[in-house]
Amino acid sequence: MPRLSWTLVTPLLAAVALAIAWPLHPDSGPVLGILSVLLVAVVLAAVHHAEVVAHRVGEPYGSLVLAVAVTIIEVGLIVTLMVTTDKDTAGLARDTVFAAVMITLNGIVGISLLVGALRHHLAVFNPEGTGAALATVIALAVLCLVVPSVTTSQPGPEFTDAQLAFAAIASLALYGMFVFTQAIRHRDFFLPVTQDSHSPLVTSRAAAEAAAARAAADAGTFEHQPVDLDEDGHADPPTDRAALASLGLLVVSLVAVVGLAKIESPAIESGVAALGFPPAVVGVVIALMVLAPETIAAVRAATRNRVQVSLNLALGSAMASIGLTIPAIAVASIWLDGPLELGLNQLQSVLLLLTAAVAILTVVPGRAKPLQGGVHLVLLAAFLFLTVAP
């Protein structure tokens, strides 16, 4: 970790700014503008330090560390906005989670496939692992975001207390089963995929070595040739000292994010209202801010021909946004006043259905051309446009 890295300076600077601004309740435009830039920067720093800790502890705990950190940021922003404003925020959690799903399934997946296919002719990935992740995301999205609009026990797009509790438990169960599948039981299905012109897809070190052995046997030789394949697609784990430093900076970052969000929340909503945008745009802003680091990491992986890593990041982020955020909001709703609207409207449901259908067709072949990436990006553009102008 560089001594003067921005990921080190930003959390400390944000903590100092929070300590100064908290008792003053600033309402000056320039001051709020500086704090908003600092808020975005500390969100990026927080996810970076969570990734460092996750890489150090390894799987399956690493995935949980990263997912919990991102969920704390997302839930902290949602709850902070819900308790610090007089405006109607009953649908803020729904809008944020739905935006996260659309941004991950269309934005991160789309740009990863487009970049990977343009640079390497085809974007290649494992349809078994990616399909399992996509199925889990679709199940979570329908259960938590579509079903509330068609239940009859509670008027409006809301769950009853019992239904909300069931949805929260089911979400945690689905997320837990997927983490076990990805990190322990069937890890090979989620490893980076390689392809050459003479052999089928290779999805793990064991499969790669087996393919090499078969090729050698076919050539009349019997000597086993190991394959130089990075099994997890990551660099060497950080040192204990770097991991502990990142853990401390992660805690500081999370506190700064929640505190700065509380200070910025009136300005965010006032800015959206001044532009004449619907309240759902606030949820899009939160989702874009939280998912920015994952998007950058996914694109970098795609440029290195590791599209599987990109899809793992995208679908894992979508899964955590629903499977962990909804249970956390369900618990927080015990202390929050007012209704909690989770059900999507007809327009949002149609966009989700279209996204799910296109994503399934994209995943099934196990490889994608630039066209598939472009289709997903057009769906993202449609979602953003129709959110602003429904």
Protein backbone atom coordinates (compact mmCIF):
# COMPACT_ATOMS: atom_id res chain seq x y z
CA MET A 1 0.00 0.00 0.00
CA PRO A 2 1.57 3.32 -1.05
CA ARG A 3 2.20 5.65 1.86
CA LEU A 4 0.41 8.58 0.26
CA SER A 5 -2.13 6.64 -1.74
CA TRP A 6 -5.48 8.36 -2.22
CA THR A 7 -7.14 5.34 -0.61
CA LEU A 8 -5.20 6.13 2.57
CA VAL A 9 -5.64 9.91 2.53
CA THR A 10 -9.34 10.00 1.57
CA PRO A 11 -10.81 8.16 4.62
CA LEU A 12 -8.74 10.28 7.03
CA LEU A 13 -9.66 13.49 5.24
CA ALA A 14 -13.33 12.49 5.21
CA ALA A 15 -13.25 11.74 8.94
CA VAL A 16 -11.77 15.18 9.66
CA ALA A 17 -14.34 16.87 7.40
CA LEU A 18 -17.15 14.98 9.12
CA ALA A 19 -15.94 16.00 12.58
CA ILE A 20 -15.89 19.65 11.50
CA ALA A 21 -19.14 19.71 9.51
CA TRP A 22 -21.31 17.59 11.81
CA PRO A 23 -21.96 20.25 14.51
CA LEU A 24 -22.13 23.11 11.97
CA HIS A 25 -24.86 21.70 9.67
CA PRO A 26 -23.49 23.51 6.60
CA ASP A 27 -25.95 24.73 3.95
CA SER A 28 -23.55 26.62 1.71
CA GLY A 29 -23.43 25.39 -1.89
CA PRO A 30 -19.64 25.31 -2.26
CA VAL A 31 -19.18 23.54 1.07
CA LEU A 32 -21.81 20.93 0.24
CA GLY A 33 -20.24 20.49 -3.18
CA ILE A 34 -16.85 19.73 -1.63
CA LEU A 35 -18.44 17.31 0.83
CA SER A 36 -20.31 15.54 -1.97
CA VAL A 37 -17.06 14.99 -3.89
CA LEU A 38 -15.47 13.72 -0.70
CA LEU A 39 -18.46 11.39 -0.14
CA VAL A 40 -18.03 9.78 -3.56
CA ALA A 41 -14.28 9.42 -3.02
CA VAL A 42 -14.66 7.79 0.39
CA VAL A 43 -17.22 5.31 -1.02
CA LEU A 44 -14.63 4.26 -3.60
CA ALA A 45 -11.95 4.04 -0.91
CA ALA A 46 -14.21 1.96 1.35
CA VAL A 47 -14.87 -0.63 -1.34
CA HIS A 48 -11.15 -0.72 -2.19
CA HIS A 49 -10.20 -1.49 1.41
CA ALA A 50 -12.98 -4.07 1.65
CA GLU A 51 -11.52 -5.79 -1.42
CA VAL A 52 -8.05 -5.79 0.16
CA VAL A 53 -9.39 -7.43 3.33
CA ALA A 54 -11.48 -9.86 1.29
CA HIS A 55 -8.45 -10.89 -0.76
CA ARG A 56 -6.38 -11.45 2.37
CA VAL A 57 -8.86 -13.66 4.24
CA GLY A 58 -9.72 -15.67 1.12
CA GLU A 59 -12.90 -17.48 0.20
CA PRO A 60 -15.62 -17.89 1.30
CA TYR A 61 -15.07 -15.23 3.95
CA GLY A 62 -13.65 -12.73 1.48
CA SER A 63 -16.87 -12.59 -0.51
CA LEU A 64 -18.83 -12.05 2.68
CA VAL A 65 -16.52 -9.23 3.85
CA LEU A 66 -16.87 -7.39 0.55
CA ALA A 67 -20.61 -7.96 0.30
CA VAL A 68 -21.24 -6.87 3.90
CA ALA A 69 -19.14 -3.72 3.45
CA VAL A 70 -20.98 -2.71 0.27
CA THR A 71 -24.32 -3.51 1.92
CA ILE A 72 -23.47 -1.35 4.93
CA ILE A 73 -22.74 1.54 2.57
CA GLU A 74 -25.95 1.00 0.60
CA VAL A 75 -28.17 0.50 3.65
CA GLY A 76 -26.51 3.41 5.43
CA LEU A 77 -27.26 5.74 2.53
CA ILE A 78 -30.86 4.50 2.23
CA VAL A 79 -31.69 4.68 5.94
CA THR A 80 -29.97 8.04 6.32
CA LEU A 81 -32.06 9.55 3.54
CA MET A 82 -35.23 7.97 4.94
CA VAL A 83 -34.79 9.40 8.45
CA THR A 84 -33.42 12.86 7.57
CA THR A 85 -36.06 14.10 5.17
CA ASP A 86 -39.67 15.15 5.37
CA LYS A 87 -40.41 13.91 1.85
CA ASP A 88 -41.97 10.57 0.96
CA THR A 89 -39.23 7.94 0.96
CA ALA A 90 -41.40 4.82 1.14
CA GLY A 91 -40.04 3.61 -2.21
CA LEU A 92 -36.39 4.63 -1.77
CA ALA A 93 -35.17 1.14 -0.86
CA ARG A 94 -37.03 -0.36 -3.83
CA ASP A 95 -35.71 2.26 -6.24
CA THR A 96 -32.12 1.78 -5.04
CA VAL A 97 -32.19 -2.02 -5.17
CA PHE A 98 -33.92 -2.03 -8.57
CA ALA A 99 -31.39 0.46 -9.91
CA ALA A 100 -28.55 -1.72 -8.63
CA VAL A 101 -30.03 -4.76 -10.41
CA MET A 102 -30.46 -2.90 -13.71
CA ILE A 103 -27.02 -1.30 -13.54
CA THR A 104 -25.29 -4.62 -12.80
CA LEU A 105 -27.23 -6.83 -15.24
CA ASN A 106 -27.16 -4.30 -18.07
CA GLY A 107 -24.38 -1.81 -17.32
CA ILE A 108 -21.57 -3.89 -15.81
CA VAL A 109 -22.44 -7.03 -17.80
CA GLY A 110 -22.91 -5.03 -21.01
CA ILE A 111 -19.68 -3.05 -20.90
CA SER A 112 -17.70 -6.11 -19.77
CA LEU A 113 -18.98 -8.21 -22.67
CA LEU A 114 -18.46 -5.37 -25.13
CA VAL A 115 -14.89 -4.67 -24.00
CA GLY A 116 -13.99 -8.35 -23.79
CA ALA A 117 -15.44 -9.20 -27.20
CA LEU A 118 -13.89 -6.21 -28.95
CA ARG A 119 -10.42 -6.91 -27.55
CA HIS A 120 -10.46 -10.70 -27.81
CA HIS A 121 -12.94 -11.42 -30.63
CA LEU A 122 -15.28 -13.28 -28.25
CA ALA A 123 -16.10 -12.82 -24.57
CA VAL A 124 -15.84 -16.33 -23.12
CA PHE A 125 -17.24 -17.47 -19.76
CA ASN A 126 -18.66 -20.53 -18.02
CA PRO A 127 -22.43 -20.76 -18.62
CA GLU A 128 -22.91 -23.19 -15.70
CA GLY A 129 -21.57 -20.89 -13.01
CA THR A 130 -22.87 -17.69 -14.61
CA GLY A 131 -26.27 -19.29 -15.19
CA ALA A 132 -26.53 -20.34 -11.55
CA ALA A 133 -25.70 -16.80 -10.43
CA LEU A 134 -28.20 -15.29 -12.88
CA ALA A 135 -30.95 -17.68 -11.75
CA THR A 136 -30.37 -16.65 -8.14
CA VAL A 137 -30.49 -12.95 -9.02
CA ILE A 138 -33.73 -13.35 -10.99
CA ALA A 139 -35.34 -15.35 -8.18
CA LEU A 140 -34.37 -12.72 -5.61
CA ALA A 141 -35.53 -9.84 -7.82
CA VAL A 142 -38.94 -11.36 -8.53
CA LEU A 143 -39.51 -12.47 -4.95
CA CYS A 144 -38.56 -9.13 -3.36
CA LEU A 145 -39.49 -6.58 -6.03
CA VAL A 146 -42.31 -8.04 -8.16
CA VAL A 147 -44.30 -10.19 -5.74
CA PRO A 148 -45.18 -7.24 -3.40
CA SER A 149 -47.12 -5.65 -6.27
CA VAL A 150 -49.41 -8.69 -6.69
CA THR A 151 -50.04 -9.77 -3.09
CA THR A 152 -53.49 -8.99 -1.72
CA SER A 153 -53.06 -9.05 2.07
CA GLN A 154 -51.71 -5.49 2.14
CA PRO A 155 -52.97 -2.63 -0.04
CA GLY A 156 -50.40 -1.09 -2.35
CA PRO A 157 -47.00 -2.49 -3.36
CA GLU A 158 -46.16 -3.53 0.20
CA PHE A 159 -45.56 -6.72 2.13
CA THR A 160 -47.28 -7.51 5.39
CA ASP A 161 -44.95 -7.97 8.34
CA ALA A 162 -45.09 -11.75 7.95
CA GLN A 163 -44.49 -11.56 4.19
CA LEU A 164 -41.58 -9.17 4.68
CA ALA A 165 -40.03 -11.51 7.25
CA PHE A 166 -40.41 -14.45 4.87
CA ALA A 167 -38.84 -12.50 1.99
CA ALA A 168 -35.92 -11.48 4.21
CA ILE A 169 -35.28 -15.05 5.38
CA ALA A 170 -35.63 -16.44 1.86
CA SER A 171 -33.21 -13.80 0.55
CA LEU A 172 -30.59 -14.69 3.13
CA ALA A 173 -31.08 -18.40 2.40
CA LEU A 174 -30.62 -17.94 -1.34
CA TYR A 175 -27.59 -15.73 -0.87
CA GLY A 176 -26.03 -18.16 1.61
CA MET A 177 -26.57 -21.14 -0.71
CA PHE A 178 -24.99 -19.28 -3.59
CA VAL A 179 -21.93 -18.26 -1.55
CA PHE A 180 -21.48 -21.89 -0.48
CA THR A 181 -21.80 -23.03 -4.10
CA GLN A 182 -19.44 -20.41 -5.50
CA ALA A 183 -16.76 -20.50 -2.83
CA ILE A 184 -16.76 -24.11 -1.65
CA ARG A 185 -18.86 -26.72 -3.40
CA HIS A 186 -18.49 -25.85 -7.10
CA ARG A 187 -15.77 -23.23 -7.19
CA ASP A 188 -14.44 -24.37 -10.57
CA PHE A 189 -17.58 -23.15 -12.31
CA PHE A 190 -16.74 -19.56 -11.36
CA LEU A 191 -13.05 -19.49 -12.26
CA PRO A 192 -11.74 -17.56 -15.29
CA VAL A 193 -12.19 -19.35 -18.60
CA THR A 194 -9.53 -19.70 -21.30
CA GLN A 195 -9.91 -20.84 -24.89
CA ASP A 196 -7.51 -21.89 -27.64
CA SER A 197 -8.12 -22.84 -31.22
CA HIS A 198 -7.66 -26.58 -30.74
CA SER A 199 -9.42 -27.48 -27.51
CA PRO A 200 -12.76 -26.82 -25.80
CA LEU A 201 -13.22 -24.30 -23.04
CA VAL A 202 -11.01 -24.78 -19.99
CA THR A 203 -12.51 -23.62 -16.70
CA SER A 204 -10.15 -24.66 -13.92
CA ARG A 205 -6.59 -25.75 -13.23
CA ALA A 206 -7.62 -29.38 -12.95
CA ALA A 207 -9.56 -29.23 -16.22
CA ALA A 208 -6.70 -27.41 -17.93
CA GLU A 209 -4.17 -30.01 -16.87
CA ALA A 210 -6.51 -32.81 -17.92
CA ALA A 211 -6.96 -31.22 -21.34
CA ALA A 212 -3.19 -30.87 -21.73
CA ALA A 213 -2.69 -34.51 -20.74
CA ARG A 214 -5.25 -35.64 -23.31
CA ALA A 215 -3.60 -33.50 -25.99
CA ALA A 216 -0.20 -34.95 -25.14
CA ALA A 217 -1.58 -38.50 -25.29
CA ASP A 218 -3.16 -37.80 -28.66
CA ALA A 219 0.22 -36.58 -29.89
CA GLY A 220 1.86 -39.87 -28.88
CA THR A 221 3.52 -38.64 -25.68
CA PHE A 222 2.65 -39.63 -22.14
CA GLU A 223 4.45 -36.98 -20.14
CA HIS A 224 2.05 -34.81 -18.13
CA GLN A 225 2.53 -31.12 -18.92
CA PRO A 226 1.21 -28.77 -16.22
CA VAL A 227 -0.68 -25.75 -17.42
CA ASP A 228 0.29 -22.31 -16.16
CA LEU A 229 -3.13 -21.00 -15.26
CA ASP A 230 -3.95 -18.49 -12.52
CA GLU A 231 -6.61 -20.37 -10.61
CA ASP A 232 -8.47 -17.45 -9.10
CA GLY A 233 -7.46 -14.65 -11.43
CA HIS A 234 -6.11 -12.44 -8.64
CA ALA A 235 -2.73 -11.11 -7.61
CA ASP A 236 -0.90 -12.43 -4.56
CA PRO A 237 -2.71 -11.74 -1.27
CA PRO A 238 -1.65 -8.61 0.63
CA THR A 239 0.47 -8.85 3.75
CA ASP A 240 -1.04 -9.02 7.23
CA ARG A 241 0.07 -5.45 7.88
CA ALA A 242 -1.61 -4.15 4.73
CA ALA A 243 -4.79 -6.10 5.50
CA LEU A 244 -4.98 -4.74 9.05
CA ALA A 245 -4.41 -1.20 7.80
CA SER A 246 -7.18 -1.65 5.24
CA LEU A 247 -9.49 -3.04 7.93
CA GLY A 248 -9.00 0.05 10.08
CA LEU A 249 -9.42 2.39 7.11
CA LEU A 250 -12.55 0.47 6.09
CA VAL A 251 -14.15 1.14 9.47
CA VAL A 252 -13.23 4.83 9.24
CA SER A 253 -14.59 4.97 5.69
CA LEU A 254 -17.92 3.40 6.62
CA VAL A 255 -18.43 5.87 9.47
CA ALA A 256 -17.53 8.75 7.18
CA VAL A 257 -19.90 7.55 4.44
CA VAL A 258 -22.90 7.35 6.73
CA GLY A 259 -22.10 10.67 8.42
CA LEU A 260 -21.47 12.59 5.20
CA ALA A 261 -24.60 11.08 3.65
CA LYS A 262 -26.66 12.44 6.53
CA ILE A 263 -25.21 15.91 5.95
CA GLU A 264 -25.68 15.69 2.16
CA SER A 265 -29.14 14.08 2.12
CA PRO A 266 -31.18 17.33 2.03
CA ALA A 267 -29.00 18.69 -0.79
CA ILE A 268 -29.31 15.47 -2.83
CA GLU A 269 -33.09 15.46 -2.69
CA SER A 270 -33.34 19.21 -3.25
CA GLY A 271 -31.09 18.92 -6.31
CA VAL A 272 -33.19 16.11 -7.79
CA ALA A 273 -36.40 18.08 -7.15
CA ALA A 274 -34.91 21.26 -8.62
CA LEU A 275 -34.13 19.41 -11.84
CA GLY A 276 -37.70 18.19 -12.01
CA PHE A 277 -36.70 14.53 -11.82
CA PRO A 278 -38.84 11.85 -10.14
CA PRO A 279 -37.83 10.66 -6.63
CA ALA A 280 -36.63 7.35 -8.13
CA VAL A 281 -33.58 9.21 -9.48
CA VAL A 282 -32.25 9.41 -5.90
CA GLY A 283 -32.09 5.62 -5.82
CA VAL A 284 -30.23 5.60 -9.14
CA VAL A 285 -27.68 8.08 -7.77
CA ILE A 286 -27.06 5.90 -4.71
CA ALA A 287 -26.70 2.74 -6.81
CA LEU A 288 -24.31 4.40 -9.28
CA MET A 289 -22.15 5.63 -6.42
CA VAL A 290 -22.01 2.28 -4.65
CA LEU A 291 -21.38 0.25 -7.82
CA ALA A 292 -18.73 2.50 -9.37
CA PRO A 293 -15.75 0.53 -7.98
CA GLU A 294 -17.24 -2.80 -9.08
CA THR A 295 -17.74 -1.41 -12.58
CA ILE A 296 -14.13 -0.29 -12.83
CA ALA A 297 -12.85 -3.66 -11.57
CA ALA A 298 -15.11 -5.56 -14.00
CA VAL A 299 -13.91 -3.57 -17.01
CA ARG A 300 -10.28 -4.12 -16.04
CA ALA A 301 -10.89 -7.86 -15.79
CA ALA A 302 -12.58 -7.89 -19.19
CA THR A 303 -9.61 -6.18 -20.82
CA ARG A 304 -7.41 -9.01 -19.50
CA ASN A 305 -9.74 -11.60 -21.10
CA ARG A 306 -11.18 -12.60 -17.73
CA VAL A 307 -14.83 -11.98 -18.49
CA GLN A 308 -15.85 -14.63 -15.96
CA VAL A 309 -14.40 -12.45 -13.20
CA SER A 310 -16.36 -9.49 -14.59
CA LEU A 311 -19.61 -11.45 -14.55
CA ASN A 312 -18.88 -12.75 -11.04
CA LEU A 313 -18.51 -9.14 -9.87
CA ALA A 314 -21.66 -7.98 -11.66
CA LEU A 315 -23.96 -10.80 -10.59
CA GLY A 316 -22.45 -10.94 -7.11
CA SER A 317 -23.12 -7.22 -6.64
CA ALA A 318 -26.72 -7.63 -7.82
CA MET A 319 -27.20 -10.58 -5.50
CA ALA A 320 -25.81 -8.73 -2.48
CA SER A 321 -27.89 -5.65 -3.30
CA ILE A 322 -31.04 -7.73 -2.96
CA GLY A 323 -30.11 -10.66 -0.74
CA LEU A 324 -28.46 -8.58 1.98
CA THR A 325 -30.01 -5.11 1.58
CA ILE A 326 -33.65 -6.26 1.73
CA PRO A 327 -33.16 -8.19 5.03
CA ALA A 328 -31.24 -5.23 6.49
CA ILE A 329 -33.98 -2.80 5.47
CA ALA A 330 -36.60 -5.22 6.84
CA VAL A 331 -34.89 -5.10 10.24
CA ALA A 332 -34.46 -1.32 10.03
CA SER A 333 -38.17 -0.91 9.20
CA ILE A 334 -38.95 -1.92 12.79
CA TRP A 335 -37.67 1.49 13.89
CA LEU A 336 -38.53 3.47 10.77
CA ASP A 337 -41.83 5.31 10.53
CA GLY A 338 -44.04 5.05 7.48
CA PRO A 339 -44.66 2.33 4.89
CA LEU A 340 -42.01 0.35 3.04
CA GLU A 341 -42.95 -0.01 -0.63
CA LEU A 342 -40.95 -2.75 -2.35
CA GLY A 343 -43.17 -3.63 -5.33
CA LEU A 344 -42.22 -2.38 -8.81
CA ASN A 345 -44.69 -0.55 -11.03
CA GLN A 346 -45.69 -1.90 -14.44
CA LEU A 347 -42.95 -0.07 -16.34
CA GLN A 348 -40.24 -1.27 -13.97
CA SER A 349 -41.58 -4.83 -14.07
CA VAL A 350 -41.47 -4.84 -17.88
CA LEU A 351 -37.87 -3.59 -17.88
CA LEU A 352 -36.88 -6.26 -15.34
CA LEU A 353 -38.60 -8.99 -17.38
CA LEU A 354 -36.89 -7.82 -20.58
CA THR A 355 -33.51 -7.69 -18.84
CA ALA A 356 -33.95 -11.20 -17.42
CA ALA A 357 -34.91 -12.64 -20.82
CA VAL A 358 -31.98 -11.00 -22.61
CA ALA A 359 -29.55 -12.02 -19.84
CA ILE A 360 -30.65 -15.66 -20.09
CA LEU A 361 -30.11 -15.68 -23.86
CA THR A 362 -26.70 -14.05 -23.33
CA VAL A 363 -25.53 -16.58 -20.74
CA VAL A 364 -26.70 -19.83 -22.36
CA PRO A 365 -24.02 -20.07 -25.13
CA GLY A 366 -21.09 -19.37 -22.79
CA ARG A 367 -19.62 -16.82 -25.18
CA ALA A 368 -20.73 -13.44 -26.45
CA LYS A 369 -20.07 -11.14 -29.37
CA PRO A 370 -20.01 -7.33 -29.12
CA LEU A 371 -23.69 -7.35 -30.11
CA GLN A 372 -24.75 -8.87 -26.79
CA GLY A 373 -22.85 -6.23 -24.84
CA GLY A 374 -24.44 -3.50 -26.95
CA VAL A 375 -27.94 -4.88 -26.34
CA HIS A 376 -27.43 -4.79 -22.57
CA LEU A 377 -26.08 -1.23 -22.71
CA VAL A 378 -29.13 -0.11 -24.72
CA LEU A 379 -31.36 -1.61 -22.04
CA LEU A 380 -29.40 0.33 -19.41
CA ALA A 381 -29.89 3.53 -21.41
CA ALA A 382 -33.63 2.78 -21.65
CA PHE A 383 -33.80 2.28 -17.87
CA LEU A 384 -32.00 5.55 -17.14
CA PHE A 385 -34.08 7.52 -19.64
CA LEU A 386 -37.39 6.10 -18.48
CA THR A 387 -36.45 6.73 -14.86
CA VAL A 388 -35.99 10.42 -15.63
CA ALA A 389 -38.96 10.58 -18.02
CA PRO A 390 -41.40 7.79 -17.07
